[in-house]
Amino acid sequence: MKPVYFPFTHISEDILKKISVCFRPLFVLQPLGLNISGDMEKWVESGLIEMRLPAGDDDGRLEVMLKDYQRGQTAYLNPLMDEVPFFNDTSVS
């Protein structure tokens, strides 16, 4: 049996200690092979967890998509910063 910590992509030390009493190694799914925290790398080396990445080599493409999404969010929200939320001519309330 291979236990998977899903849908989460990061596990805290407290939860890892509790789960590793019964399950070793615990599989943690990662969307990208980038930006894995130092603690999690340490736990991989000690055999407490194993990382699973999606098949393929899409890290670069996914990183670009994430940056585009974040830029889009900023571009959408910046003009709204000076307005009172949910209060305009089109608001139902």
C-alpha atoms as a PDB file:
ATOM      1  CA  MET A   1       0.000   0.000   0.000  1.00  0.00           C
ATOM      2  CA  LYS A   2       1.257   3.455  -0.925  1.00  0.00           C
ATOM      3  CA  PRO A   3      -0.370   6.221   1.122  1.00  0.00           C
ATOM      4  CA  VAL A   4      -0.699   9.545  -0.695  1.00  0.00           C
ATOM      5  CA  TYR A   5      -1.116  12.870   1.110  1.00  0.00           C
ATOM      6  CA  PHE A   6      -3.704  14.262  -1.281  1.00  0.00           C
ATOM      7  CA  PRO A   7      -4.859  16.903  -2.303  1.00  0.00           C
ATOM      8  CA  PHE A   8      -2.134  18.771  -0.420  1.00  0.00           C
ATOM      9  CA  THR A   9       1.301  19.471  -1.926  1.00  0.00           C
ATOM     10  CA  HIS A  10       3.051  20.400   1.322  1.00  0.00           C
ATOM     11  CA  ILE A  11       3.087  18.646   4.663  1.00  0.00           C
ATOM     12  CA  SER A  12       3.945  20.210   8.011  1.00  0.00           C
ATOM     13  CA  GLU A  13       6.359  18.571  10.419  1.00  0.00           C
ATOM     14  CA  ASP A  14       3.635  18.021  13.029  1.00  0.00           C
ATOM     15  CA  ILE A  15       1.371  16.156  10.607  1.00  0.00           C
ATOM     16  CA  LEU A  16       4.289  14.183   9.187  1.00  0.00           C
ATOM     17  CA  LYS A  17       5.248  12.937  12.656  1.00  0.00           C
ATOM     18  CA  LYS A  18       1.712  11.729  13.299  1.00  0.00           C
ATOM     19  CA  ILE A  19       1.214  10.045   9.932  1.00  0.00           C
ATOM     20  CA  SER A  20       4.671   8.465   9.755  1.00  0.00           C
ATOM     21  CA  VAL A  21       3.887   6.386  12.844  1.00  0.00           C
ATOM     22  CA  CYS A  22       1.652   4.222  10.634  1.00  0.00           C
ATOM     23  CA  PHE A  23       2.779   4.947   7.082  1.00  0.00           C
ATOM     24  CA  ARG A  24       6.294   5.088   5.707  1.00  0.00           C
ATOM     25  CA  PRO A  25       7.074   6.469   3.208  1.00  0.00           C
ATOM     26  CA  LEU A  26       4.246   8.905   2.615  1.00  0.00           C
ATOM     27  CA  PHE A  27       3.814  10.059  -0.978  1.00  0.00           C
ATOM     28  CA  VAL A  28       3.339  13.787  -1.587  1.00  0.00           C
ATOM     29  CA  LEU A  29       2.252  14.957  -5.031  1.00  0.00           C
ATOM     30  CA  GLN A  30       3.934  18.040  -6.476  1.00  0.00           C
ATOM     31  CA  PRO A  31       2.723  20.021  -9.493  1.00  0.00           C
ATOM     32  CA  LEU A  32       6.284  21.165 -10.267  1.00  0.00           C
ATOM     33  CA  GLY A  33       9.760  19.993  -9.438  1.00  0.00           C
ATOM     34  CA  LEU A  34      10.645  23.572  -8.490  1.00  0.00           C
ATOM     35  CA  ASN A  35      10.461  25.359  -5.141  1.00  0.00           C
ATOM     36  CA  ILE A  36      10.363  22.345  -2.830  1.00  0.00           C
ATOM     37  CA  SER A  37      10.898  23.513   0.748  1.00  0.00           C
ATOM     38  CA  GLY A  38      14.097  22.654   2.595  1.00  0.00           C
ATOM     39  CA  ASP A  39      12.244  20.645   5.230  1.00  0.00           C
ATOM     40  CA  MET A  40      10.586  18.458   2.629  1.00  0.00           C
ATOM     41  CA  GLU A  41      13.907  17.829   0.872  1.00  0.00           C
ATOM     42  CA  LYS A  42      15.353  16.739   4.223  1.00  0.00           C
ATOM     43  CA  TRP A  43      12.438  14.328   4.757  1.00  0.00           C
ATOM     44  CA  VAL A  44      12.891  12.857   1.279  1.00  0.00           C
ATOM     45  CA  GLU A  45      16.560  12.153   2.055  1.00  0.00           C
ATOM     46  CA  SER A  46      15.621  10.478   5.353  1.00  0.00           C
ATOM     47  CA  GLY A  47      12.968   8.303   3.662  1.00  0.00           C
ATOM     48  CA  LEU A  48       9.941   9.724   5.488  1.00  0.00           C
ATOM     49  CA  ILE A  49       8.310  10.991   2.299  1.00  0.00           C
ATOM     50  CA  GLU A  50       8.604  10.442  -1.445  1.00  0.00           C
ATOM     51  CA  MET A  51       7.822  13.118  -3.983  1.00  0.00           C
ATOM     52  CA  ARG A  52       5.732  12.319  -7.031  1.00  0.00           C
ATOM     53  CA  LEU A  53       5.757  14.631 -10.022  1.00  0.00           C
ATOM     54  CA  PRO A  54       3.483  14.541 -13.054  1.00  0.00           C
ATOM     55  CA  ALA A  55       4.765  12.636 -16.064  1.00  0.00           C
ATOM     56  CA  GLY A  56       6.477  14.781 -18.658  1.00  0.00           C
ATOM     57  CA  ASP A  57       8.750  17.774 -18.625  1.00  0.00           C
ATOM     58  CA  ASP A  58       6.321  20.684 -18.297  1.00  0.00           C
ATOM     59  CA  ASP A  59       7.938  22.573 -15.399  1.00  0.00           C
ATOM     60  CA  GLY A  60       8.958  25.511 -17.585  1.00  0.00           C
ATOM     61  CA  ARG A  61       5.579  25.754 -19.259  1.00  0.00           C
ATOM     62  CA  LEU A  62       3.677  25.525 -15.958  1.00  0.00           C
ATOM     63  CA  GLU A  63       5.886  28.180 -14.384  1.00  0.00           C
ATOM     64  CA  VAL A  64       5.168  30.568 -17.280  1.00  0.00           C
ATOM     65  CA  MET A  65       1.432  29.877 -16.970  1.00  0.00           C
ATOM     66  CA  LEU A  66       1.551  30.591 -13.221  1.00  0.00           C
ATOM     67  CA  LYS A  67       3.356  33.907 -13.764  1.00  0.00           C
ATOM     68  CA  ASP A  68       0.845  34.896 -16.474  1.00  0.00           C
ATOM     69  CA  TYR A  69      -2.017  34.088 -14.117  1.00  0.00           C
ATOM     70  CA  GLN A  70      -0.489  36.146 -11.311  1.00  0.00           C
ATOM     71  CA  ARG A  71       0.084  39.096 -13.668  1.00  0.00           C
ATOM     72  CA  GLY A  72      -3.523  38.831 -14.844  1.00  0.00           C
ATOM     73  CA  GLN A  73      -4.792  38.899 -11.267  1.00  0.00           C
ATOM     74  CA  THR A  74      -2.718  42.001 -10.543  1.00  0.00           C
ATOM     75  CA  ALA A  75      -3.863  43.730 -13.730  1.00  0.00           C
ATOM     76  CA  TYR A  76      -7.500  43.024 -12.837  1.00  0.00           C
ATOM     77  CA  LEU A  77      -7.294  44.041  -9.179  1.00  0.00           C
ATOM     78  CA  ASN A  78      -5.134  47.195  -9.438  1.00  0.00           C
ATOM     79  CA  PRO A  79      -7.879  49.425 -10.920  1.00  0.00           C
ATOM     80  CA  LEU A  80     -10.262  48.279  -8.178  1.00  0.00           C
ATOM     81  CA  MET A  81      -7.975  49.265  -5.297  1.00  0.00           C
ATOM     82  CA  ASP A  82      -9.499  52.782  -4.912  1.00  0.00           C
ATOM     83  CA  GLU A  83     -13.128  51.632  -4.972  1.00  0.00           C
ATOM     84  CA  VAL A  84     -15.377  50.577  -2.137  1.00  0.00           C
ATOM     85  CA  PRO A  85     -15.933  46.831  -2.592  1.00  0.00           C
ATOM     86  CA  PHE A  86     -19.355  45.660  -3.792  1.00  0.00           C
ATOM     87  CA  PHE A  87     -20.700  49.190  -4.014  1.00  0.00           C
ATOM     88  CA  ASN A  88     -21.315  50.564  -7.479  1.00  0.00           C
ATOM     89  CA  ASP A  89     -24.143  51.058 -10.005  1.00  0.00           C
ATOM     90  CA  THR A  90     -24.165  47.386 -10.993  1.00  0.00           C
ATOM     91  CA  SER A  91     -24.193  46.053  -7.444  1.00  0.00           C
ATOM     92  CA  VAL A  92     -27.335  44.175  -6.423  1.00  0.00           C
ATOM     93  CA  SER A  93     -27.058  45.295  -2.803  1.00  0.00           C
END
